[in-house]
Protein backbone atom coordinates (compact mmCIF):
# COMPACT_ATOMS: atom_id res chain seq x y z
CA UNK A 1 0.00 0.00 0.00
CA UNK A 2 2.82 2.44 0.82
CA UNK A 3 5.20 1.74 -2.05
CA UNK A 4 3.08 3.21 -4.90
CA UNK A 5 3.12 6.52 -3.01
CA UNK A 6 6.80 6.79 -4.02
CA UNK A 7 6.01 7.38 -7.69
CA UNK A 8 4.10 10.67 -7.44
CA UNK A 9 5.65 13.98 -8.49
CA UNK A 10 4.88 15.68 -5.17
CA UNK A 11 6.75 13.05 -3.11
CA UNK A 12 8.84 15.72 -1.40
CA UNK A 13 5.74 16.98 0.42
CA UNK A 14 5.46 13.82 2.51
CA UNK A 15 8.54 11.70 1.89
CA UNK A 16 9.93 11.98 5.43
CA UNK A 17 6.69 10.63 6.90
CA UNK A 18 6.42 7.93 4.24
CA UNK A 19 10.00 6.76 4.84
CA UNK A 20 9.29 6.67 8.58
CA UNK A 21 6.24 4.44 8.00
CA UNK A 22 8.22 2.09 5.75
CA UNK A 23 10.98 1.75 8.35
CA UNK A 24 8.40 1.08 11.08
CA UNK A 25 6.92 -1.76 9.03
CA UNK A 26 10.36 -3.29 8.54
CA UNK A 27 11.18 -3.04 12.24
CA UNK A 28 7.97 -4.93 13.04
CA UNK A 29 8.33 -7.58 10.31
CA UNK A 30 11.80 -8.22 8.90
CA UNK A 31 10.42 -10.57 6.24
CA UNK A 32 9.04 -7.52 4.43
CA UNK A 33 12.56 -6.26 3.68
CA UNK A 34 12.99 -7.98 0.33
CA UNK A 35 9.62 -6.99 -1.19
CA UNK A 36 9.91 -3.43 0.14
CA UNK A 37 13.43 -2.81 -1.19
CA UNK A 38 12.62 -4.44 -4.53
CA UNK A 39 9.50 -2.28 -4.68
CA UNK A 40 11.56 0.85 -4.08
CA UNK A 41 13.97 -0.22 -6.80
CA UNK A 42 11.01 -0.70 -9.14
CA UNK A 43 9.84 2.88 -8.53
CA UNK A 44 13.38 4.34 -8.55
CA UNK A 45 13.39 7.73 -10.33
CA UNK A 46 15.15 7.85 -13.69
CA UNK A 47 15.27 11.58 -14.44
CA UNK A 48 14.75 13.47 -11.18
CA UNK A 49 17.98 13.65 -9.19
CA UNK A 50 16.25 15.32 -6.21
CA UNK A 51 13.85 12.42 -5.94
CA UNK A 52 16.76 10.01 -6.31
CA UNK A 53 18.45 11.62 -3.30
CA UNK A 54 15.25 11.06 -1.29
CA UNK A 55 15.24 7.38 -2.29
CA UNK A 56 18.91 7.03 -1.29
CA UNK A 57 18.13 8.57 2.09
CA UNK A 58 15.27 6.14 2.59
CA UNK A 59 17.50 3.20 1.64
CA UNK A 60 20.00 4.41 4.24
CA UNK A 61 17.28 4.44 6.91
CA UNK A 62 16.19 0.94 5.87
CA UNK A 63 19.76 -0.39 6.02
CA UNK A 64 20.03 0.89 9.59
CA UNK A 65 17.22 -1.40 10.76
CA UNK A 66 17.35 -4.56 8.66
CA UNK A 67 18.86 -7.83 9.76
CA UNK A 68 21.96 -9.26 8.04
CA UNK A 69 19.97 -12.29 6.87
CA UNK A 70 17.59 -9.95 5.03
CA UNK A 71 20.40 -7.81 3.62
CA UNK A 72 21.84 -10.82 1.79
CA UNK A 73 18.58 -11.13 -0.16
CA UNK A 74 18.64 -7.55 -1.46
CA UNK A 75 22.34 -6.74 -1.72
CA UNK A 76 22.82 -7.52 -5.41
CA UNK A 77 19.93 -5.48 -6.89
CA UNK A 78 20.55 -2.71 -4.36
CA UNK A 79 24.25 -2.38 -5.19
CA UNK A 80 23.43 -2.46 -8.91
CA UNK A 81 21.17 0.55 -8.41
CA UNK A 82 23.72 2.38 -6.26
CA UNK A 83 26.34 1.77 -8.97
CA UNK A 84 23.99 3.35 -11.53
CA UNK A 85 23.57 6.33 -9.21
CA UNK A 86 27.28 6.99 -8.77
CA UNK A 87 27.97 6.53 -12.48
CA UNK A 88 25.29 9.09 -13.35
CA UNK A 89 26.49 12.40 -14.83
CA UNK A 90 24.50 14.14 -12.07
CA UNK A 91 26.47 12.45 -9.26
CA UNK A 92 28.51 14.88 -7.14
PDB file of N, CA and C in Angstrom:
ATOM      1  N   UNK A   1       0.823  -1.194   0.000  1.00  0.00           N
ATOM      2  CA  UNK A   1       0.000   0.000   0.000  1.00  0.00           C
ATOM      3  C   UNK A   1       0.865   1.256   0.000  1.00  0.00           C
ATOM      4  N   UNK A   2       1.989   1.247   0.716  1.00  0.00           N
ATOM      5  CA  UNK A   2       2.822   2.440   0.824  1.00  0.00           C
ATOM      6  C   UNK A   2       3.734   2.663  -0.381  1.00  0.00           C
ATOM      7  N   UNK A   3       4.199   1.601  -0.998  1.00  0.00           N
ATOM      8  CA  UNK A   3       5.205   1.744  -2.051  1.00  0.00           C
ATOM      9  C   UNK A   3       4.738   2.548  -3.260  1.00  0.00           C
ATOM     10  N   UNK A   4       3.507   2.385  -3.750  1.00  0.00           N
ATOM     11  CA  UNK A   4       3.085   3.207  -4.895  1.00  0.00           C
ATOM     12  C   UNK A   4       3.094   4.711  -4.616  1.00  0.00           C
ATOM     13  N   UNK A   5       3.062   5.090  -3.349  1.00  0.00           N
ATOM     14  CA  UNK A   5       3.123   6.517  -3.011  1.00  0.00           C
ATOM     15  C   UNK A   5       4.478   7.128  -3.367  1.00  0.00           C
ATOM     16  N   UNK A   6       5.475   6.291  -3.648  1.00  0.00           N
ATOM     17  CA  UNK A   6       6.800   6.789  -4.017  1.00  0.00           C
ATOM     18  C   UNK A   6       6.865   7.299  -5.450  1.00  0.00           C
ATOM     19  N   UNK A   7       5.882   7.012  -6.280  1.00  0.00           N
ATOM     20  CA  UNK A   7       6.005   7.381  -7.690  1.00  0.00           C
ATOM     21  C   UNK A   7       5.350   8.709  -8.064  1.00  0.00           C
ATOM     22  N   UNK A   8       4.748   9.398  -7.127  1.00  0.00           N
ATOM     23  CA  UNK A   8       4.095  10.671  -7.443  1.00  0.00           C
ATOM     24  C   UNK A   8       5.111  11.811  -7.543  1.00  0.00           C
ATOM     25  N   UNK A   9       4.736  12.846  -8.286  1.00  0.00           N
ATOM     26  CA  UNK A   9       5.650  13.979  -8.486  1.00  0.00           C
ATOM     27  C   UNK A   9       5.829  14.817  -7.224  1.00  0.00           C
ATOM     28  N   UNK A  10       4.820  14.843  -6.372  1.00  0.00           N
ATOM     29  CA  UNK A  10       4.882  15.683  -5.170  1.00  0.00           C
ATOM     30  C   UNK A  10       5.402  14.903  -3.953  1.00  0.00           C
ATOM     31  N   UNK A  11       6.219  13.897  -4.189  1.00  0.00           N
ATOM     32  CA  UNK A  11       6.746  13.046  -3.111  1.00  0.00           C
ATOM     33  C   UNK A  11       7.429  13.858  -2.014  1.00  0.00           C
ATOM     34  N   UNK A  12       8.096  14.936  -2.394  1.00  0.00           N
ATOM     35  CA  UNK A  12       8.844  15.716  -1.404  1.00  0.00           C
ATOM     36  C   UNK A  12       7.949  16.289  -0.307  1.00  0.00           C
ATOM     37  N   UNK A  13       6.660  16.418  -0.580  1.00  0.00           N
ATOM     38  CA  UNK A  13       5.741  16.975   0.418  1.00  0.00           C
ATOM     39  C   UNK A  13       5.551  16.065   1.620  1.00  0.00           C
ATOM     40  N   UNK A  14       5.718  14.755   1.418  1.00  0.00           N
ATOM     41  CA  UNK A  14       5.455  13.819   2.515  1.00  0.00           C
ATOM     42  C   UNK A  14       6.472  12.685   2.601  1.00  0.00           C
ATOM     43  N   UNK A  15       7.597  12.811   1.930  1.00  0.00           N
ATOM     44  CA  UNK A  15       8.544  11.700   1.886  1.00  0.00           C
ATOM     45  C   UNK A  15       9.082  11.321   3.262  1.00  0.00           C
ATOM     46  N   UNK A  16       9.369  12.288   4.102  1.00  0.00           N
ATOM     47  CA  UNK A  16       9.925  11.979   5.429  1.00  0.00           C
ATOM     48  C   UNK A  16       8.961  11.088   6.220  1.00  0.00           C
ATOM     49  N   UNK A  17       7.688  11.420   6.183  1.00  0.00           N
ATOM     50  CA  UNK A  17       6.690  10.631   6.902  1.00  0.00           C
ATOM     51  C   UNK A  17       6.516   9.247   6.271  1.00  0.00           C
ATOM     52  N   UNK A  18       6.557   9.200   4.943  1.00  0.00           N
ATOM     53  CA  UNK A  18       6.424   7.929   4.237  1.00  0.00           C
ATOM     54  C   UNK A  18       7.600   7.010   4.558  1.00  0.00           C
ATOM     55  N   UNK A  19       8.810   7.557   4.522  1.00  0.00           N
ATOM     56  CA  UNK A  19      10.000   6.762   4.838  1.00  0.00           C
ATOM     57  C   UNK A  19       9.920   6.244   6.274  1.00  0.00           C
ATOM     58  N   UNK A  20       9.440   7.085   7.188  1.00  0.00           N
ATOM     59  CA  UNK A  20       9.288   6.672   8.580  1.00  0.00           C
ATOM     60  C   UNK A  20       8.335   5.480   8.684  1.00  0.00           C
ATOM     61  N   UNK A  21       7.220   5.549   7.974  1.00  0.00           N
ATOM     62  CA  UNK A  21       6.243   4.442   8.001  1.00  0.00           C
ATOM     63  C   UNK A  21       6.848   3.158   7.448  1.00  0.00           C
ATOM     64  N   UNK A  22       7.587   3.269   6.355  1.00  0.00           N
ATOM     65  CA  UNK A  22       8.216   2.090   5.749  1.00  0.00           C
ATOM     66  C   UNK A  22       9.186   1.451   6.738  1.00  0.00           C
ATOM     67  N   UNK A  23      10.002   2.265   7.380  1.00  0.00           N
ATOM     68  CA  UNK A  23      10.977   1.749   8.349  1.00  0.00           C
ATOM     69  C   UNK A  23      10.260   1.088   9.526  1.00  0.00           C
ATOM     70  N   UNK A  24       9.159   1.671   9.979  1.00  0.00           N
ATOM     71  CA  UNK A  24       8.402   1.076  11.083  1.00  0.00           C
ATOM     72  C   UNK A  24       7.877  -0.306  10.712  1.00  0.00           C
ATOM     73  N   UNK A  25       7.385  -0.448   9.492  1.00  0.00           N
ATOM     74  CA  UNK A  25       6.922  -1.761   9.032  1.00  0.00           C
ATOM     75  C   UNK A  25       8.055  -2.773   9.053  1.00  0.00           C
ATOM     76  N   UNK A  26       9.230  -2.362   8.595  1.00  0.00           N
ATOM     77  CA  UNK A  26      10.361  -3.288   8.537  1.00  0.00           C
ATOM     78  C   UNK A  26      10.865  -3.654   9.930  1.00  0.00           C
ATOM     79  N   UNK A  27      10.769  -2.724  10.868  1.00  0.00           N
ATOM     80  CA  UNK A  27      11.176  -3.041  12.237  1.00  0.00           C
ATOM     81  C   UNK A  27      10.222  -4.054  12.866  1.00  0.00           C
ATOM     82  N   UNK A  28       8.966  -4.008  12.481  1.00  0.00           N
ATOM     83  CA  UNK A  28       7.974  -4.932  13.041  1.00  0.00           C
ATOM     84  C   UNK A  28       7.988  -6.296  12.357  1.00  0.00           C
ATOM     85  N   UNK A  29       8.331  -6.316  11.059  1.00  0.00           N
ATOM     86  CA  UNK A  29       8.328  -7.576  10.308  1.00  0.00           C
ATOM     87  C   UNK A  29       9.487  -7.586   9.312  1.00  0.00           C
ATOM     88  N   UNK A  30      10.582  -8.197   9.718  1.00  0.00           N
ATOM     89  CA  UNK A  30      11.798  -8.215   8.897  1.00  0.00           C
ATOM     90  C   UNK A  30      11.605  -8.938   7.571  1.00  0.00           C
ATOM     91  N   UNK A  31      10.626  -9.830   7.497  1.00  0.00           N
ATOM     92  CA  UNK A  31      10.422 -10.570   6.243  1.00  0.00           C
ATOM     93  C   UNK A  31       9.908  -9.667   5.118  1.00  0.00           C
ATOM     94  N   UNK A  32       9.492  -8.457   5.450  1.00  0.00           N
ATOM     95  CA  UNK A  32       9.036  -7.516   4.427  1.00  0.00           C
ATOM     96  C   UNK A  32      10.194  -6.808   3.724  1.00  0.00           C
ATOM     97  N   UNK A  33      11.411  -6.985   4.222  1.00  0.00           N
ATOM     98  CA  UNK A  33      12.555  -6.261   3.679  1.00  0.00           C
ATOM     99  C   UNK A  33      12.721  -6.463   2.180  1.00  0.00           C
ATOM    100  N   UNK A  34      12.756  -7.705   1.755  1.00  0.00           N
ATOM    101  CA  UNK A  34      12.995  -7.977   0.332  1.00  0.00           C
ATOM    102  C   UNK A  34      11.914  -7.366  -0.570  1.00  0.00           C
ATOM    103  N   UNK A  35      10.626  -7.602  -0.304  1.00  0.00           N
ATOM    104  CA  UNK A  35       9.623  -6.987  -1.189  1.00  0.00           C
ATOM    105  C   UNK A  35       9.615  -5.459  -1.135  1.00  0.00           C
ATOM    106  N   UNK A  36       9.909  -4.886   0.029  1.00  0.00           N
ATOM    107  CA  UNK A  36       9.913  -3.428   0.143  1.00  0.00           C
ATOM    108  C   UNK A  36      11.073  -2.837  -0.654  1.00  0.00           C
ATOM    109  N   UNK A  37      12.274  -3.354  -0.472  1.00  0.00           N
ATOM    110  CA  UNK A  37      13.431  -2.810  -1.186  1.00  0.00           C
ATOM    111  C   UNK A  37      13.275  -3.028  -2.689  1.00  0.00           C
ATOM    112  N   UNK A  38      12.829  -4.199  -3.093  1.00  0.00           N
ATOM    113  CA  UNK A  38      12.622  -4.441  -4.529  1.00  0.00           C
ATOM    114  C   UNK A  38      11.529  -3.528  -5.082  1.00  0.00           C
ATOM    115  N   UNK A  39      10.536  -3.225  -4.266  1.00  0.00           N
ATOM    116  CA  UNK A  39       9.502  -2.279  -4.679  1.00  0.00           C
ATOM    117  C   UNK A  39      10.060  -0.883  -4.858  1.00  0.00           C
ATOM    118  N   UNK A  40      10.916  -0.457  -3.937  1.00  0.00           N
ATOM    119  CA  UNK A  40      11.560   0.849  -4.082  1.00  0.00           C
ATOM    120  C   UNK A  40      12.410   0.894  -5.344  1.00  0.00           C
ATOM    121  N   UNK A  41      13.134  -0.177  -5.605  1.00  0.00           N
ATOM    122  CA  UNK A  41      13.971  -0.223  -6.805  1.00  0.00           C
ATOM    123  C   UNK A  41      13.111  -0.164  -8.066  1.00  0.00           C
ATOM    124  N   UNK A  42      11.935  -0.734  -7.999  1.00  0.00           N
ATOM    125  CA  UNK A  42      11.009  -0.703  -9.138  1.00  0.00           C
ATOM    126  C   UNK A  42      10.545   0.728  -9.427  1.00  0.00           C
ATOM    127  N   UNK A  43      10.317   1.505  -8.373  1.00  0.00           N
ATOM    128  CA  UNK A  43       9.842   2.880  -8.534  1.00  0.00           C
ATOM    129  C   UNK A  43      10.979   3.901  -8.549  1.00  0.00           C
ATOM    130  N   UNK A  44      12.218   3.450  -8.614  1.00  0.00           N
ATOM    131  CA  UNK A  44      13.377   4.344  -8.551  1.00  0.00           C
ATOM    132  C   UNK A  44      13.288   5.396  -9.657  1.00  0.00           C
ATOM    133  N   UNK A  45      13.489   6.669  -9.322  1.00  0.00           N
ATOM    134  CA  UNK A  45      13.392   7.733 -10.332  1.00  0.00           C
ATOM    135  C   UNK A  45      14.514   7.629 -11.371  1.00  0.00           C
ATOM    136  N   UNK A  46      14.175   7.947 -12.605  1.00  0.00           N
ATOM    137  CA  UNK A  46      15.149   7.847 -13.695  1.00  0.00           C
ATOM    138  C   UNK A  46      15.677   9.219 -14.120  1.00  0.00           C
ATOM    139  N   UNK A  47      14.879  10.262 -13.932  1.00  0.00           N
ATOM    140  CA  UNK A  47      15.273  11.577 -14.441  1.00  0.00           C
ATOM    141  C   UNK A  47      15.333  12.672 -13.383  1.00  0.00           C
ATOM    142  N   UNK A  48      14.809  12.434 -12.216  1.00  0.00           N
ATOM    143  CA  UNK A  48      14.752  13.473 -11.177  1.00  0.00           C
ATOM    144  C   UNK A  48      15.789  13.184 -10.093  1.00  0.00           C
ATOM    145  N   UNK A  49      16.898  13.923 -10.140  1.00  0.00           N
ATOM    146  CA  UNK A  49      17.976  13.648  -9.186  1.00  0.00           C
ATOM    147  C   UNK A  49      17.576  13.993  -7.750  1.00  0.00           C
ATOM    148  N   UNK A  50      16.701  14.991  -7.566  1.00  0.00           N
ATOM    149  CA  UNK A  50      16.251  15.323  -6.206  1.00  0.00           C
ATOM    150  C   UNK A  50      15.463  14.165  -5.600  1.00  0.00           C
ATOM    151  N   UNK A  51      14.626  13.556  -6.410  1.00  0.00           N
ATOM    152  CA  UNK A  51      13.847  12.417  -5.937  1.00  0.00           C
ATOM    153  C   UNK A  51      14.775  11.228  -5.671  1.00  0.00           C
ATOM    154  N   UNK A  52      15.799  11.092  -6.496  1.00  0.00           N
ATOM    155  CA  UNK A  52      16.761  10.006  -6.311  1.00  0.00           C
ATOM    156  C   UNK A  52      17.484  10.148  -4.970  1.00  0.00           C
ATOM    157  N   UNK A  53      17.804  11.371  -4.595  1.00  0.00           N
ATOM    158  CA  UNK A  53      18.446  11.624  -3.300  1.00  0.00           C
ATOM    159  C   UNK A  53      17.510  11.216  -2.159  1.00  0.00           C
ATOM    160  N   UNK A  54      16.219  11.481  -2.315  1.00  0.00           N
ATOM    161  CA  UNK A  54      15.248  11.061  -1.294  1.00  0.00           C
ATOM    162  C   UNK A  54      15.221   9.537  -1.172  1.00  0.00           C
ATOM    163  N   UNK A  55      15.238   8.844  -2.306  1.00  0.00           N
ATOM    164  CA  UNK A  55      15.241   7.381  -2.286  1.00  0.00           C
ATOM    165  C   UNK A  55      16.507   6.858  -1.613  1.00  0.00           C
ATOM    166  N   UNK A  56      17.651   7.466  -1.913  1.00  0.00           N
ATOM    167  CA  UNK A  56      18.908   7.029  -1.289  1.00  0.00           C
ATOM    168  C   UNK A  56      18.853   7.221   0.225  1.00  0.00           C
ATOM    169  N   UNK A  57      18.282   8.330   0.661  1.00  0.00           N
ATOM    170  CA  UNK A  57      18.132   8.565   2.095  1.00  0.00           C
ATOM    171  C   UNK A  57      17.235   7.529   2.751  1.00  0.00           C
ATOM    172  N   UNK A  58      16.179   7.160   2.054  1.00  0.00           N
ATOM    173  CA  UNK A  58      15.269   6.141   2.588  1.00  0.00           C
ATOM    174  C   UNK A  58      15.962   4.780   2.655  1.00  0.00           C
ATOM    175  N   UNK A  59      16.739   4.459   1.629  1.00  0.00           N
ATOM    176  CA  UNK A  59      17.497   3.202   1.637  1.00  0.00           C
ATOM    177  C   UNK A  59      18.462   3.191   2.823  1.00  0.00           C
ATOM    178  N   UNK A  60      19.084   4.325   3.091  1.00  0.00           N
ATOM    179  CA  UNK A  60      19.997   4.410   4.240  1.00  0.00           C
ATOM    180  C   UNK A  60      19.257   4.110   5.546  1.00  0.00           C
ATOM    181  N   UNK A  61      18.074   4.692   5.706  1.00  0.00           N
ATOM    182  CA  UNK A  61      17.278   4.436   6.911  1.00  0.00           C
ATOM    183  C   UNK A  61      16.896   2.961   7.017  1.00  0.00           C
ATOM    184  N   UNK A  62      16.563   2.357   5.887  1.00  0.00           N
ATOM    185  CA  UNK A  62      16.195   0.939   5.866  1.00  0.00           C
ATOM    186  C   UNK A  62      17.391   0.078   6.256  1.00  0.00           C
ATOM    187  N   UNK A  63      18.558   0.401   5.719  1.00  0.00           N
ATOM    188  CA  UNK A  63      19.759  -0.389   6.019  1.00  0.00           C
ATOM    189  C   UNK A  63      20.127  -0.321   7.499  1.00  0.00           C
ATOM    190  N   UNK A  64      19.756   0.766   8.158  1.00  0.00           N
ATOM    191  CA  UNK A  64      20.032   0.895   9.592  1.00  0.00           C
ATOM    192  C   UNK A  64      19.238  -0.098  10.438  1.00  0.00           C
ATOM    193  N   UNK A  65      18.095  -0.568   9.923  1.00  0.00           N
ATOM    194  CA  UNK A  65      17.218  -1.401  10.761  1.00  0.00           C
ATOM    195  C   UNK A  65      17.095  -2.855  10.312  1.00  0.00           C
ATOM    196  N   UNK A  66      17.573  -3.182   9.118  1.00  0.00           N
ATOM    197  CA  UNK A  66      17.352  -4.560   8.656  1.00  0.00           C
ATOM    198  C   UNK A  66      18.377  -5.522   9.236  1.00  0.00           C
ATOM    199  N   UNK A  67      17.994  -6.773   9.243  1.00  0.00           N
ATOM    200  CA  UNK A  67      18.858  -7.831   9.762  1.00  0.00           C
ATOM    201  C   UNK A  67      19.796  -8.315   8.659  1.00  0.00           C
ATOM    202  N   UNK A  68      21.003  -8.768   9.040  1.00  0.00           N
ATOM    203  CA  UNK A  68      21.958  -9.264   8.038  1.00  0.00           C
ATOM    204  C   UNK A  68      21.380 -10.357   7.139  1.00  0.00           C
ATOM    205  N   UNK A  69      20.553 -11.217   7.688  1.00  0.00           N
ATOM    206  CA  UNK A  69      19.968 -12.291   6.873  1.00  0.00           C
ATOM    207  C   UNK A  69      19.060 -11.729   5.779  1.00  0.00           C
ATOM    208  N   UNK A  70      18.443 -10.595   6.039  1.00  0.00           N
ATOM    209  CA  UNK A  70      17.591  -9.953   5.033  1.00  0.00           C
ATOM    210  C   UNK A  70      18.425  -9.155   4.034  1.00  0.00           C
ATOM    211  N   UNK A  71      19.530  -8.591   4.505  1.00  0.00           N
ATOM    212  CA  UNK A  71      20.403  -7.813   3.623  1.00  0.00           C
ATOM    213  C   UNK A  71      20.944  -8.668   2.487  1.00  0.00           C
ATOM    214  N   UNK A  72      21.296  -9.904   2.796  1.00  0.00           N
ATOM    215  CA  UNK A  72      21.840 -10.822   1.790  1.00  0.00           C
ATOM    216  C   UNK A  72      20.876 -10.968   0.615  1.00  0.00           C
ATOM    217  N   UNK A  73      19.591 -10.932   0.887  1.00  0.00           N
ATOM    218  CA  UNK A  73      18.579 -11.127  -0.155  1.00  0.00           C
ATOM    219  C   UNK A  73      18.452  -9.937  -1.104  1.00  0.00           C
ATOM    220  N   UNK A  74      18.842  -8.752  -0.645  1.00  0.00           N
ATOM    221  CA  UNK A  74      18.639  -7.553  -1.465  1.00  0.00           C
ATOM    222  C   UNK A  74      19.939  -6.906  -1.912  1.00  0.00           C
ATOM    223  N   UNK A  75      21.081  -7.431  -1.464  1.00  0.00           N
ATOM    224  CA  UNK A  75      22.339  -6.739  -1.718  1.00  0.00           C
ATOM    225  C   UNK A  75      22.662  -6.573  -3.203  1.00  0.00           C
ATOM    226  N   UNK A  76      22.435  -7.610  -4.003  1.00  0.00           N
ATOM    227  CA  UNK A  76      22.822  -7.516  -5.410  1.00  0.00           C
ATOM    228  C   UNK A  76      22.012  -6.469  -6.185  1.00  0.00           C
ATOM    229  N   UNK A  77      20.670  -6.519  -6.159  1.00  0.00           N
ATOM    230  CA  UNK A  77      19.931  -5.479  -6.892  1.00  0.00           C
ATOM    231  C   UNK A  77      20.148  -4.083  -6.305  1.00  0.00           C
ATOM    232  N   UNK A  78      20.320  -4.007  -4.998  1.00  0.00           N
ATOM    233  CA  UNK A  78      20.551  -2.715  -4.360  1.00  0.00           C
ATOM    234  C   UNK A  78      21.880  -2.113  -4.801  1.00  0.00           C
ATOM    235  N   UNK A  79      22.941  -2.899  -4.788  1.00  0.00           N
ATOM    236  CA  UNK A  79      24.246  -2.378  -5.194  1.00  0.00           C
ATOM    237  C   UNK A  79      24.287  -2.058  -6.685  1.00  0.00           C
ATOM    238  N   UNK A  80      23.522  -2.788  -7.487  1.00  0.00           N
ATOM    239  CA  UNK A  80      23.429  -2.456  -8.911  1.00  0.00           C
ATOM    240  C   UNK A  80      22.844  -1.057  -9.083  1.00  0.00           C
ATOM    241  N   UNK A  81      21.800  -0.767  -8.311  1.00  0.00           N
ATOM    242  CA  UNK A  81      21.169   0.550  -8.405  1.00  0.00           C
ATOM    243  C   UNK A  81      22.100   1.639  -7.885  1.00  0.00           C
ATOM    244  N   UNK A  82      22.784   1.387  -6.798  1.00  0.00           N
ATOM    245  CA  UNK A  82      23.720   2.377  -6.261  1.00  0.00           C
ATOM    246  C   UNK A  82      24.837   2.639  -7.264  1.00  0.00           C
ATOM    247  N   UNK A  83      25.306   1.597  -7.943  1.00  0.00           N
ATOM    248  CA  UNK A  83      26.339   1.769  -8.973  1.00  0.00           C
ATOM    249  C   UNK A  83      25.824   2.659 -10.099  1.00  0.00           C
ATOM    250  N   UNK A  84      24.562   2.485 -10.490  1.00  0.00           N
ATOM    251  CA  UNK A  84      23.987   3.351 -11.528  1.00  0.00           C
ATOM    252  C   UNK A  84      23.931   4.800 -11.041  1.00  0.00           C
ATOM    253  N   UNK A  85      23.638   4.976  -9.765  1.00  0.00           N
ATOM    254  CA  UNK A  85      23.569   6.331  -9.208  1.00  0.00           C
ATOM    255  C   UNK A  85      24.931   7.024  -9.263  1.00  0.00           C
ATOM    256  N   UNK A  86      25.965   6.340  -8.820  1.00  0.00           N
ATOM    257  CA  UNK A  86      27.282   6.985  -8.769  1.00  0.00           C
ATOM    258  C   UNK A  86      27.907   7.133 -10.150  1.00  0.00           C
ATOM    259  N   UNK A  87      27.442   6.375 -11.130  1.00  0.00           N
ATOM    260  CA  UNK A  87      27.972   6.533 -12.484  1.00  0.00           C
ATOM    261  C   UNK A  87      27.161   7.546 -13.294  1.00  0.00           C
ATOM    262  N   UNK A  88      26.126   8.089 -12.692  1.00  0.00           N
ATOM    263  CA  UNK A  88      25.288   9.087 -13.354  1.00  0.00           C
ATOM    264  C   UNK A  88      26.067  10.389 -13.539  1.00  0.00           C
ATOM    265  N   UNK A  89      25.819  11.107 -14.636  1.00  0.00           N
ATOM    266  CA  UNK A  89      26.494  12.400 -14.831  1.00  0.00           C
ATOM    267  C   UNK A  89      26.068  13.445 -13.799  1.00  0.00           C
ATOM    268  N   UNK A  90      24.976  13.198 -13.085  1.00  0.00           N
ATOM    269  CA  UNK A  90      24.498  14.141 -12.067  1.00  0.00           C
ATOM    270  C   UNK A  90      25.105  13.886 -10.692  1.00  0.00           C
ATOM    271  N   UNK A  91      25.877  12.797 -10.559  1.00  0.00           N
ATOM    272  CA  UNK A  91      26.472  12.451  -9.264  1.00  0.00           C
ATOM    273  C   UNK A  91      27.524  13.483  -8.883  1.00  0.00           C
ATOM    274  N   UNK A  92      27.511  13.901  -7.604  1.00  0.00           N
ATOM    275  CA  UNK A  92      28.509  14.876  -7.136  1.00  0.00           C
ATOM    276  C   UNK A  92      29.317  14.284  -6.015  1.00  0.00           C
TER     277      UNK A  92
END
